Amino acid sequence: MKKAHTLEELIDLVHEAVYEVDELRACLEHDDDEAATYMPYLDSLDTMLRDLHESMATGRYAGVGQGEDLAFMPLFQKHERDIPFRDLLRIINATHREGFEK
């Protein structure tokens, strides 16, 4: 799994994850059958990703290489099979936890 090389790349990845949540939400507006699969986690994940993006964009982000998972990981682990962009979330968390790709 390739991690982000810079903070700017990491911010872009988080922004992409927020976009993926928005896209999934838009798709669910037209498919009530699928909504039951995604709604248990979508709102919480959306909030956590937007908060993370804001903290990075405003300079409040603690930084990479902290050795701890991001706040969304317990939710991710519970619903991983149902998250279409799970690889993106794994890359974001791995970069946060382990540091930038060298």
C-alpha atoms as a PDB file:
ATOM      1  CA  MET A   1       0.000   0.000   0.000  1.00  0.00           C
ATOM      2  CA  LYS A   2       1.450   3.306  -1.064  1.00  0.00           C
ATOM      3  CA  LYS A   3       1.163   6.184   1.405  1.00  0.00           C
ATOM      4  CA  ALA A   4       1.103   9.914   0.787  1.00  0.00           C
ATOM      5  CA  HIS A   5       4.492  11.584   0.269  1.00  0.00           C
ATOM      6  CA  THR A   6       3.596  15.020   1.666  1.00  0.00           C
ATOM      7  CA  LEU A   7       1.002  16.727   3.816  1.00  0.00           C
ATOM      8  CA  GLU A   8      -0.495  18.250   0.667  1.00  0.00           C
ATOM      9  CA  GLU A   9      -0.969  14.770  -0.811  1.00  0.00           C
ATOM     10  CA  LEU A  10      -2.554  13.582   2.425  1.00  0.00           C
ATOM     11  CA  ILE A  11      -4.926  16.548   2.438  1.00  0.00           C
ATOM     12  CA  ASP A  12      -5.856  15.696  -1.158  1.00  0.00           C
ATOM     13  CA  LEU A  13      -6.547  12.080  -0.182  1.00  0.00           C
ATOM     14  CA  VAL A  14      -8.803  13.158   2.665  1.00  0.00           C
ATOM     15  CA  HIS A  15     -10.571  15.572   0.312  1.00  0.00           C
ATOM     16  CA  GLU A  16     -11.046  12.688  -2.137  1.00  0.00           C
ATOM     17  CA  ALA A  17     -12.561  10.568   0.657  1.00  0.00           C
ATOM     18  CA  VAL A  18     -15.012  13.376   1.474  1.00  0.00           C
ATOM     19  CA  TYR A  19     -15.913  13.500  -2.225  1.00  0.00           C
ATOM     20  CA  GLU A  20     -16.458   9.713  -2.243  1.00  0.00           C
ATOM     21  CA  VAL A  21     -18.865  10.049   0.688  1.00  0.00           C
ATOM     22  CA  ASP A  22     -20.751  12.766  -1.183  1.00  0.00           C
ATOM     23  CA  GLU A  23     -20.923  10.604  -4.313  1.00  0.00           C
ATOM     24  CA  LEU A  24     -22.161   7.597  -2.359  1.00  0.00           C
ATOM     25  CA  ARG A  25     -24.804   9.730  -0.673  1.00  0.00           C
ATOM     26  CA  ALA A  26     -25.947  11.026  -4.090  1.00  0.00           C
ATOM     27  CA  CYS A  27     -26.264   7.476  -5.410  1.00  0.00           C
ATOM     28  CA  LEU A  28     -28.323   6.445  -2.394  1.00  0.00           C
ATOM     29  CA  GLU A  29     -30.879   9.150  -3.119  1.00  0.00           C
ATOM     30  CA  HIS A  30     -31.988   7.028  -6.063  1.00  0.00           C
ATOM     31  CA  ASP A  31     -31.681   3.564  -4.510  1.00  0.00           C
ATOM     32  CA  ASP A  32     -33.531   2.979  -1.247  1.00  0.00           C
ATOM     33  CA  ASP A  33     -32.575  -0.711  -1.241  1.00  0.00           C
ATOM     34  CA  GLU A  34     -28.869   0.102  -0.983  1.00  0.00           C
ATOM     35  CA  ALA A  35     -29.366   2.794   1.653  1.00  0.00           C
ATOM     36  CA  ALA A  36     -29.759   0.229   4.419  1.00  0.00           C
ATOM     37  CA  THR A  37     -26.222  -1.009   3.752  1.00  0.00           C
ATOM     38  CA  TYR A  38     -24.532   2.387   3.889  1.00  0.00           C
ATOM     39  CA  MET A  39     -26.572   4.580   6.201  1.00  0.00           C
ATOM     40  CA  PRO A  40     -25.394   2.944   9.469  1.00  0.00           C
ATOM     41  CA  TYR A  41     -21.954   4.493   8.998  1.00  0.00           C
ATOM     42  CA  LEU A  42     -22.168   7.177   6.329  1.00  0.00           C
ATOM     43  CA  ASP A  43     -23.108  10.212   8.441  1.00  0.00           C
ATOM     44  CA  SER A  44     -20.513   9.491  11.125  1.00  0.00           C
ATOM     45  CA  LEU A  45     -17.777   8.803   8.598  1.00  0.00           C
ATOM     46  CA  ASP A  46     -18.667  11.980   6.723  1.00  0.00           C
ATOM     47  CA  THR A  47     -18.368  14.072   9.888  1.00  0.00           C
ATOM     48  CA  MET A  48     -15.036  12.511  10.889  1.00  0.00           C
ATOM     49  CA  LEU A  49     -13.517  12.976   7.436  1.00  0.00           C
ATOM     50  CA  ARG A  50     -14.675  16.591   7.179  1.00  0.00           C
ATOM     51  CA  ASP A  51     -13.287  17.314  10.659  1.00  0.00           C
ATOM     52  CA  LEU A  52      -9.972  15.720   9.698  1.00  0.00           C
ATOM     53  CA  HIS A  53      -9.802  17.714   6.475  1.00  0.00           C
ATOM     54  CA  GLU A  54     -10.575  20.951   8.316  1.00  0.00           C
ATOM     55  CA  SER A  55      -7.911  20.264  10.948  1.00  0.00           C
ATOM     56  CA  MET A  56      -5.345  19.684   8.194  1.00  0.00           C
ATOM     57  CA  ALA A  57      -6.364  22.738   6.191  1.00  0.00           C
ATOM     58  CA  THR A  58      -6.267  25.042   9.228  1.00  0.00           C
ATOM     59  CA  GLY A  59      -3.009  23.744  10.690  1.00  0.00           C
ATOM     60  CA  ARG A  60      -4.554  22.062  13.733  1.00  0.00           C
ATOM     61  CA  TYR A  61      -3.660  18.549  12.533  1.00  0.00           C
ATOM     62  CA  ALA A  62      -1.209  16.892  14.933  1.00  0.00           C
ATOM     63  CA  GLY A  63       0.821  15.349  12.114  1.00  0.00           C
ATOM     64  CA  VAL A  64       1.759  11.988  10.669  1.00  0.00           C
ATOM     65  CA  GLY A  65       3.755   9.187  12.217  1.00  0.00           C
ATOM     66  CA  GLN A  66       1.943   9.312  15.543  1.00  0.00           C
ATOM     67  CA  GLY A  67       1.531   5.519  15.711  1.00  0.00           C
ATOM     68  CA  GLU A  68      -2.184   5.721  16.417  1.00  0.00           C
ATOM     69  CA  ASP A  69      -5.196   5.134  14.197  1.00  0.00           C
ATOM     70  CA  LEU A  70      -7.441   7.957  13.112  1.00  0.00           C
ATOM     71  CA  ALA A  71     -10.820   8.411  14.793  1.00  0.00           C
ATOM     72  CA  PHE A  72     -12.749   6.795  11.935  1.00  0.00           C
ATOM     73  CA  MET A  73     -10.934   3.442  12.163  1.00  0.00           C
ATOM     74  CA  PRO A  74     -13.283   1.692  14.648  1.00  0.00           C
ATOM     75  CA  LEU A  75     -16.209   2.589  12.376  1.00  0.00           C
ATOM     76  CA  PHE A  76     -14.169   1.551   9.335  1.00  0.00           C
ATOM     77  CA  GLN A  77     -13.315  -1.813  10.857  1.00  0.00           C
ATOM     78  CA  LYS A  78     -16.951  -2.495  11.708  1.00  0.00           C
ATOM     79  CA  HIS A  79     -18.224  -1.659   8.195  1.00  0.00           C
ATOM     80  CA  GLU A  80     -15.132  -2.276   6.064  1.00  0.00           C
ATOM     81  CA  ARG A  81     -16.809  -4.767   3.713  1.00  0.00           C
ATOM     82  CA  ASP A  82     -19.491  -2.226   2.833  1.00  0.00           C
ATOM     83  CA  ILE A  83     -17.243   0.793   2.195  1.00  0.00           C
ATOM     84  CA  PRO A  84     -16.571   1.097  -1.554  1.00  0.00           C
ATOM     85  CA  PHE A  85     -13.530   3.360  -1.031  1.00  0.00           C
ATOM     86  CA  ARG A  86     -11.984   1.322   1.785  1.00  0.00           C
ATOM     87  CA  ASP A  87      -8.522   1.275   0.170  1.00  0.00           C
ATOM     88  CA  LEU A  88      -8.431   5.073   0.191  1.00  0.00           C
ATOM     89  CA  LEU A  89      -9.276   5.120   3.907  1.00  0.00           C
ATOM     90  CA  ARG A  90      -6.573   2.523   4.578  1.00  0.00           C
ATOM     91  CA  ILE A  91      -3.968   4.712   2.820  1.00  0.00           C
ATOM     92  CA  ILE A  92      -5.039   7.796   4.780  1.00  0.00           C
ATOM     93  CA  ASN A  93      -4.818   5.947   8.089  1.00  0.00           C
ATOM     94  CA  ALA A  94      -1.514   4.235   7.246  1.00  0.00           C
ATOM     95  CA  THR A  95       0.047   7.581   6.347  1.00  0.00           C
ATOM     96  CA  HIS A  96      -1.226   9.120   9.576  1.00  0.00           C
ATOM     97  CA  ARG A  97      -0.053   6.188  11.686  1.00  0.00           C
ATOM     98  CA  GLU A  98       3.296   5.387  10.033  1.00  0.00           C
ATOM     99  CA  GLY A  99       4.381   8.613   8.356  1.00  0.00           C
ATOM    100  CA  PHE A 100       4.902   9.707   4.776  1.00  0.00           C
ATOM    101  CA  GLU A 101       6.121   7.418   1.989  1.00  0.00           C
ATOM    102  CA  LYS A 102       9.814   7.967   1.366  1.00  0.00           C
END
